[in-house]
């Protein structure tokens, strides 16, 4: 059986409502953040998703701004 690396990035897609909830914002406000801060989104079919790595990168940059 193959073990997974702890340091390997997870391939995770977040839909906008879930990403907004994780960030602590309303969906409407988070959509505005996506537009203003240019968070990359991916369209799959009719739905839009944020890559987990992009979401984490955005969170790290916001933490630095807050400090």
N, C-alpha and C. Protein backbone atom coordinates (compact mmCIF):
# COMPACT_ATOMS: atom_id res chain seq x y z
N UNK A 1 0.83 -1.17 0.00
CA UNK A 1 0.00 0.00 0.00
C UNK A 1 0.88 1.24 0.00
N UNK A 2 0.49 2.25 -0.73
CA UNK A 2 1.28 3.45 -0.89
C UNK A 2 0.87 4.49 0.15
N UNK A 3 1.83 5.08 0.82
CA UNK A 3 1.51 6.12 1.80
C UNK A 3 1.56 7.48 1.12
N UNK A 4 0.79 8.41 1.65
CA UNK A 4 0.76 9.76 1.08
C UNK A 4 1.75 10.63 1.83
N UNK A 5 2.32 11.57 1.13
CA UNK A 5 3.27 12.50 1.75
C UNK A 5 2.50 13.59 2.48
N UNK A 6 2.97 13.90 3.68
CA UNK A 6 2.33 14.96 4.46
C UNK A 6 2.57 16.32 3.84
N UNK A 7 3.68 16.49 3.13
CA UNK A 7 4.02 17.78 2.54
C UNK A 7 3.39 18.01 1.18
N UNK A 8 2.78 16.99 0.60
CA UNK A 8 2.18 17.12 -0.72
C UNK A 8 0.91 17.95 -0.64
N UNK A 9 0.71 18.90 -1.57
CA UNK A 9 -0.50 19.72 -1.54
C UNK A 9 -1.73 18.88 -1.88
N UNK A 10 -2.82 19.16 -1.20
CA UNK A 10 -4.07 18.46 -1.49
C UNK A 10 -4.72 19.08 -2.72
N UNK A 11 -5.25 18.25 -3.55
CA UNK A 11 -5.99 18.76 -4.71
C UNK A 11 -7.43 18.94 -4.26
N UNK A 12 -7.76 20.18 -3.96
CA UNK A 12 -9.06 20.48 -3.38
C UNK A 12 -9.71 21.60 -4.18
N UNK A 13 -10.97 21.44 -4.46
CA UNK A 13 -11.74 22.48 -5.10
C UNK A 13 -12.79 22.97 -4.10
N UNK A 14 -12.90 24.27 -3.94
CA UNK A 14 -13.91 24.85 -3.06
C UNK A 14 -14.90 25.61 -3.92
N UNK A 15 -16.18 25.35 -3.71
CA UNK A 15 -17.14 26.20 -4.39
C UNK A 15 -17.19 27.52 -3.63
N UNK A 16 -17.75 28.53 -4.24
CA UNK A 16 -17.70 29.87 -3.66
C UNK A 16 -18.43 29.95 -2.32
N UNK A 17 -19.61 29.35 -2.14
CA UNK A 17 -20.24 29.41 -0.82
C UNK A 17 -19.40 28.77 0.30
N UNK A 18 -18.77 27.64 0.02
CA UNK A 18 -17.92 27.00 1.03
C UNK A 18 -16.66 27.81 1.31
N UNK A 19 -16.07 28.37 0.28
CA UNK A 19 -14.88 29.20 0.47
C UNK A 19 -15.23 30.44 1.29
N UNK A 20 -16.39 31.03 1.02
CA UNK A 20 -16.82 32.21 1.77
C UNK A 20 -17.01 31.87 3.24
N UNK A 21 -17.61 30.72 3.50
CA UNK A 21 -17.82 30.29 4.88
C UNK A 21 -16.50 30.05 5.59
N UNK A 22 -15.55 29.40 4.92
CA UNK A 22 -14.24 29.16 5.52
C UNK A 22 -13.51 30.47 5.82
N UNK A 23 -13.70 31.46 4.95
CA UNK A 23 -13.03 32.75 5.13
C UNK A 23 -13.76 33.64 6.14
N UNK A 24 -15.01 33.30 6.44
CA UNK A 24 -15.77 34.09 7.40
C UNK A 24 -16.50 35.28 6.79
N UNK A 25 -16.82 35.19 5.51
CA UNK A 25 -17.53 36.26 4.82
C UNK A 25 -18.83 35.74 4.24
N UNK A 26 -19.72 36.67 3.90
CA UNK A 26 -20.93 36.28 3.18
C UNK A 26 -20.54 35.95 1.74
N UNK A 27 -21.40 35.22 1.06
CA UNK A 27 -21.12 34.84 -0.34
C UNK A 27 -21.00 36.09 -1.20
N UNK A 28 -21.89 37.05 -0.98
CA UNK A 28 -21.87 38.27 -1.78
C UNK A 28 -20.56 39.04 -1.59
N UNK A 29 -20.13 39.17 -0.34
CA UNK A 29 -18.88 39.88 -0.07
C UNK A 29 -17.69 39.11 -0.62
N UNK A 30 -17.71 37.79 -0.52
CA UNK A 30 -16.59 37.01 -1.01
C UNK A 30 -16.50 37.09 -2.53
N UNK A 31 -17.61 37.17 -3.22
CA UNK A 31 -17.57 37.36 -4.68
C UNK A 31 -16.90 38.69 -5.02
N UNK A 32 -17.17 39.70 -4.22
CA UNK A 32 -16.54 41.01 -4.42
C UNK A 32 -15.03 40.89 -4.18
N UNK A 33 -14.64 40.15 -3.16
CA UNK A 33 -13.22 39.93 -2.89
C UNK A 33 -12.56 39.23 -4.07
N UNK A 34 -13.24 38.25 -4.64
CA UNK A 34 -12.70 37.53 -5.80
C UNK A 34 -12.44 38.50 -6.95
N UNK A 35 -13.38 39.40 -7.20
CA UNK A 35 -13.22 40.36 -8.29
C UNK A 35 -12.12 41.37 -8.00
N UNK A 36 -12.09 41.92 -6.78
CA UNK A 36 -11.14 42.97 -6.45
C UNK A 36 -9.72 42.45 -6.28
N UNK A 37 -9.57 41.32 -5.63
CA UNK A 37 -8.24 40.81 -5.33
C UNK A 37 -7.77 39.79 -6.35
N UNK A 38 -8.56 39.56 -7.35
CA UNK A 38 -8.18 38.68 -8.45
C UNK A 38 -7.82 37.27 -8.00
N UNK A 39 -8.66 36.69 -7.15
CA UNK A 39 -8.48 35.29 -6.78
C UNK A 39 -8.88 34.46 -7.98
N UNK A 40 -8.03 33.55 -8.37
CA UNK A 40 -8.28 32.75 -9.57
C UNK A 40 -9.41 31.76 -9.31
N UNK A 41 -10.34 31.68 -10.25
CA UNK A 41 -11.43 30.72 -10.17
C UNK A 41 -11.39 29.84 -11.41
N UNK A 42 -11.94 28.65 -11.27
CA UNK A 42 -11.98 27.67 -12.35
C UNK A 42 -13.43 27.32 -12.60
N UNK A 43 -13.83 27.31 -13.86
CA UNK A 43 -15.20 26.93 -14.19
C UNK A 43 -15.21 25.48 -14.64
N UNK A 44 -16.07 24.70 -13.99
CA UNK A 44 -16.28 23.31 -14.38
C UNK A 44 -17.77 23.17 -14.64
N UNK A 45 -18.10 23.00 -15.89
CA UNK A 45 -19.52 22.99 -16.26
C UNK A 45 -20.10 24.38 -16.04
N UNK A 46 -21.14 24.46 -15.25
CA UNK A 46 -21.76 25.75 -14.95
C UNK A 46 -21.32 26.33 -13.61
N UNK A 47 -20.52 25.58 -12.89
CA UNK A 47 -20.12 26.01 -11.54
C UNK A 47 -18.70 26.57 -11.53
N UNK A 48 -18.46 27.45 -10.55
CA UNK A 48 -17.16 28.05 -10.37
C UNK A 48 -16.54 27.54 -9.08
N UNK A 49 -15.24 27.27 -9.13
CA UNK A 49 -14.51 26.74 -7.99
C UNK A 49 -13.21 27.51 -7.79
N UNK A 50 -12.72 27.46 -6.56
CA UNK A 50 -11.43 28.02 -6.22
C UNK A 50 -10.53 26.85 -5.85
N UNK A 51 -9.34 26.82 -6.39
CA UNK A 51 -8.41 25.77 -6.02
C UNK A 51 -7.97 25.96 -4.58
N UNK A 52 -7.83 24.88 -3.86
CA UNK A 52 -7.45 24.95 -2.46
C UNK A 52 -6.13 25.68 -2.25
N UNK A 53 -5.18 25.46 -3.14
CA UNK A 53 -3.87 26.13 -3.03
C UNK A 53 -4.03 27.64 -3.21
N UNK A 54 -4.89 28.07 -4.13
CA UNK A 54 -5.13 29.51 -4.34
C UNK A 54 -5.82 30.12 -3.13
N UNK A 55 -6.76 29.38 -2.54
CA UNK A 55 -7.45 29.87 -1.35
C UNK A 55 -6.48 30.03 -0.19
N UNK A 56 -5.62 29.04 0.01
CA UNK A 56 -4.64 29.11 1.10
C UNK A 56 -3.65 30.26 0.87
N UNK A 57 -3.23 30.46 -0.37
CA UNK A 57 -2.33 31.55 -0.69
C UNK A 57 -2.99 32.89 -0.39
N UNK A 58 -4.26 33.02 -0.75
CA UNK A 58 -5.00 34.25 -0.47
C UNK A 58 -5.10 34.49 1.03
N UNK A 59 -5.37 33.44 1.79
CA UNK A 59 -5.47 33.58 3.24
C UNK A 59 -4.14 34.02 3.84
N UNK A 60 -3.05 33.48 3.35
CA UNK A 60 -1.73 33.86 3.87
C UNK A 60 -1.42 35.32 3.58
N UNK A 61 -1.77 35.81 2.41
CA UNK A 61 -1.51 37.21 2.09
C UNK A 61 -2.38 38.13 2.94
N UNK A 62 -3.60 37.71 3.25
CA UNK A 62 -4.47 38.53 4.09
C UNK A 62 -3.99 38.55 5.53
N UNK A 63 -3.43 37.47 6.01
CA UNK A 63 -2.89 37.44 7.37
C UNK A 63 -1.72 38.40 7.51
N UNK A 64 -0.91 38.46 6.45
CA UNK A 64 0.24 39.37 6.49
C UNK A 64 -0.22 40.83 6.48
N UNK A 65 -1.29 41.13 5.74
CA UNK A 65 -1.81 42.50 5.69
C UNK A 65 -2.39 42.91 7.04
N UNK A 66 -3.02 41.97 7.74
CA UNK A 66 -3.65 42.27 9.01
C UNK A 66 -2.62 42.54 10.11
N UNK A 67 -1.46 41.94 9.99
CA UNK A 67 -0.43 42.11 11.05
C UNK A 67 0.29 43.39 10.95
